[in-house]
Amino acid sequence: MVLPGAGKSLEQFQTDDGTCRQMGGQEIEKTKGGEVSAQRRYDMTYMQCMYAKGHQVPVPGGRPGYDASGGQSPPPAQAAPPAVSSAQADCERSGGVWRAALNFCEFPKPR
């Protein structure tokens, strides 16, 4: 569930929602097959798009009040940083950027 970001109108949210849904559909077409299900790829692309446009997205493990505009409560302190997962290590070895909040490896577009 994605919610409008701080200072975003309903009209802006709906416009961004349509754009991000379209991007999600395009991602499914570009990356048919593979280890990640089509629904998961769509969801990840949609949430990344909406976050980039300044809207609130869910965060696994919950950090209530988090939104992309910076109006957030600080995350709880951790005793030690979490261990690097094998998926994260594989992602970084292959040149990707690990998006921990979404548990997703993103590869930069070629220039």
Protein backbone atom coordinates (compact mmCIF):
# COMPACT_ATOMS: atom_id res chain seq x y z
CA MET A 1 0.00 0.00 0.00
CA VAL A 2 1.44 3.36 -1.03
CA LEU A 3 0.15 6.61 0.43
CA PRO A 4 0.51 10.19 -0.82
CA GLY A 5 3.69 11.91 0.33
CA ALA A 6 3.72 15.04 2.46
CA GLY A 7 2.40 17.98 0.47
CA LYS A 8 1.21 15.80 -2.45
CA SER A 9 -2.29 16.38 -3.77
CA LEU A 10 -4.64 13.54 -4.64
CA GLU A 11 -4.35 14.56 -8.30
CA GLN A 12 -0.54 14.33 -8.16
CA PHE A 13 -0.75 10.96 -6.40
CA GLN A 14 -3.10 9.61 -9.07
CA THR A 15 -0.86 10.89 -11.89
CA ASP A 16 2.23 9.34 -10.29
CA ASP A 17 0.32 6.12 -9.59
CA GLY A 18 -0.58 5.77 -13.27
CA THR A 19 2.99 6.45 -14.37
CA CYS A 20 4.41 3.94 -11.87
CA ARG A 21 1.86 1.26 -12.79
CA GLN A 22 2.92 1.66 -16.41
CA MET A 23 6.58 1.32 -15.40
CA GLY A 24 5.75 -1.84 -13.44
CA GLY A 25 4.10 -3.34 -16.51
CA GLN A 26 7.09 -2.45 -18.67
CA GLU A 27 9.44 -4.10 -16.17
CA ILE A 28 7.49 -7.36 -16.43
CA GLU A 29 7.75 -7.27 -20.23
CA LYS A 30 11.50 -6.54 -20.16
CA THR A 31 12.38 -9.25 -17.65
CA LYS A 32 10.22 -12.25 -18.53
CA GLY A 33 11.34 -15.41 -16.80
CA GLY A 34 14.06 -15.32 -14.21
CA GLU A 35 14.06 -16.19 -10.54
CA VAL A 36 11.81 -13.36 -9.33
CA SER A 37 8.08 -13.68 -10.00
CA ALA A 38 6.40 -11.19 -12.32
CA GLN A 39 4.24 -9.88 -9.46
CA ARG A 40 7.27 -9.29 -7.24
CA ARG A 41 9.12 -7.45 -10.05
CA TYR A 42 6.04 -5.32 -10.69
CA ASP A 43 5.63 -4.51 -6.98
CA MET A 44 9.30 -3.61 -6.54
CA THR A 45 9.34 -1.36 -9.62
CA TYR A 46 6.07 0.32 -8.61
CA MET A 47 7.21 1.00 -5.03
CA GLN A 48 10.61 2.31 -6.13
CA CYS A 49 8.91 4.63 -8.62
CA MET A 50 6.40 5.96 -6.09
CA TYR A 51 9.14 6.44 -3.47
CA ALA A 52 11.26 8.35 -5.98
CA LYS A 53 8.27 10.63 -6.61
CA GLY A 54 8.04 11.42 -2.89
CA HIS A 55 5.23 9.13 -1.73
CA GLN A 56 5.08 6.93 1.36
CA VAL A 57 5.88 3.26 0.81
CA PRO A 58 5.69 0.31 3.20
CA VAL A 59 8.95 -0.79 4.78
CA PRO A 60 9.38 -4.42 5.88
CA GLY A 61 10.06 -4.59 9.59
CA GLY A 62 8.12 -1.38 9.98
CA ARG A 63 9.40 2.07 10.69
CA PRO A 64 6.15 3.89 11.44
CA GLY A 65 5.90 7.38 10.09
CA TYR A 66 8.54 6.91 7.38
CA ASP A 67 8.04 8.83 4.18
CA ALA A 68 10.23 9.96 1.31
CA SER A 69 9.95 13.64 2.18
CA GLY A 70 12.23 13.29 5.20
CA GLY A 71 9.43 13.80 7.73
CA GLN A 72 10.22 10.71 9.69
CA SER A 73 10.95 9.42 13.12
CA PRO A 74 14.45 7.98 13.44
CA PRO A 75 14.77 4.21 13.20
CA PRO A 76 15.37 2.33 16.43
CA ALA A 77 19.02 1.86 17.39
CA GLN A 78 20.56 -1.48 16.55
CA ALA A 79 23.16 -3.29 18.62
CA ALA A 80 25.13 -4.40 15.56
CA PRO A 81 24.69 -3.91 11.83
CA PRO A 82 22.91 -6.79 10.12
CA ALA A 83 25.07 -9.33 8.33
CA VAL A 84 25.34 -9.01 4.57
CA SER A 85 23.01 -11.53 2.96
CA SER A 86 24.26 -13.78 0.19
CA ALA A 87 21.73 -12.13 -2.14
CA GLN A 88 23.22 -8.73 -1.31
CA ALA A 89 26.76 -10.00 -1.81
CA ASP A 90 25.81 -11.57 -5.17
CA CYS A 91 24.12 -8.32 -6.21
CA GLU A 92 27.12 -6.17 -5.39
CA ARG A 93 29.59 -8.61 -7.00
CA SER A 94 27.62 -8.42 -10.25
CA GLY A 95 27.63 -4.60 -10.28
CA GLY A 96 24.16 -4.03 -8.84
CA VAL A 97 23.00 -1.75 -6.04
CA TRP A 98 21.29 -3.52 -3.13
CA ARG A 99 18.00 -1.89 -2.02
CA ALA A 100 17.69 -3.33 1.49
CA ALA A 101 14.30 -1.75 2.22
CA LEU A 102 12.80 -3.70 -0.67
CA ASN A 103 15.16 -6.70 -0.54
CA PHE A 104 15.95 -6.05 -4.21
CA CYS A 105 19.01 -5.75 -6.47
CA GLU A 106 18.88 -2.87 -8.93
CA PHE A 107 21.18 -2.56 -11.91
CA PRO A 108 21.99 0.89 -13.31
CA LYS A 109 20.77 1.54 -16.83
CA PRO A 110 23.57 1.49 -19.42
CA ARG A 111 24.48 4.91 -20.75
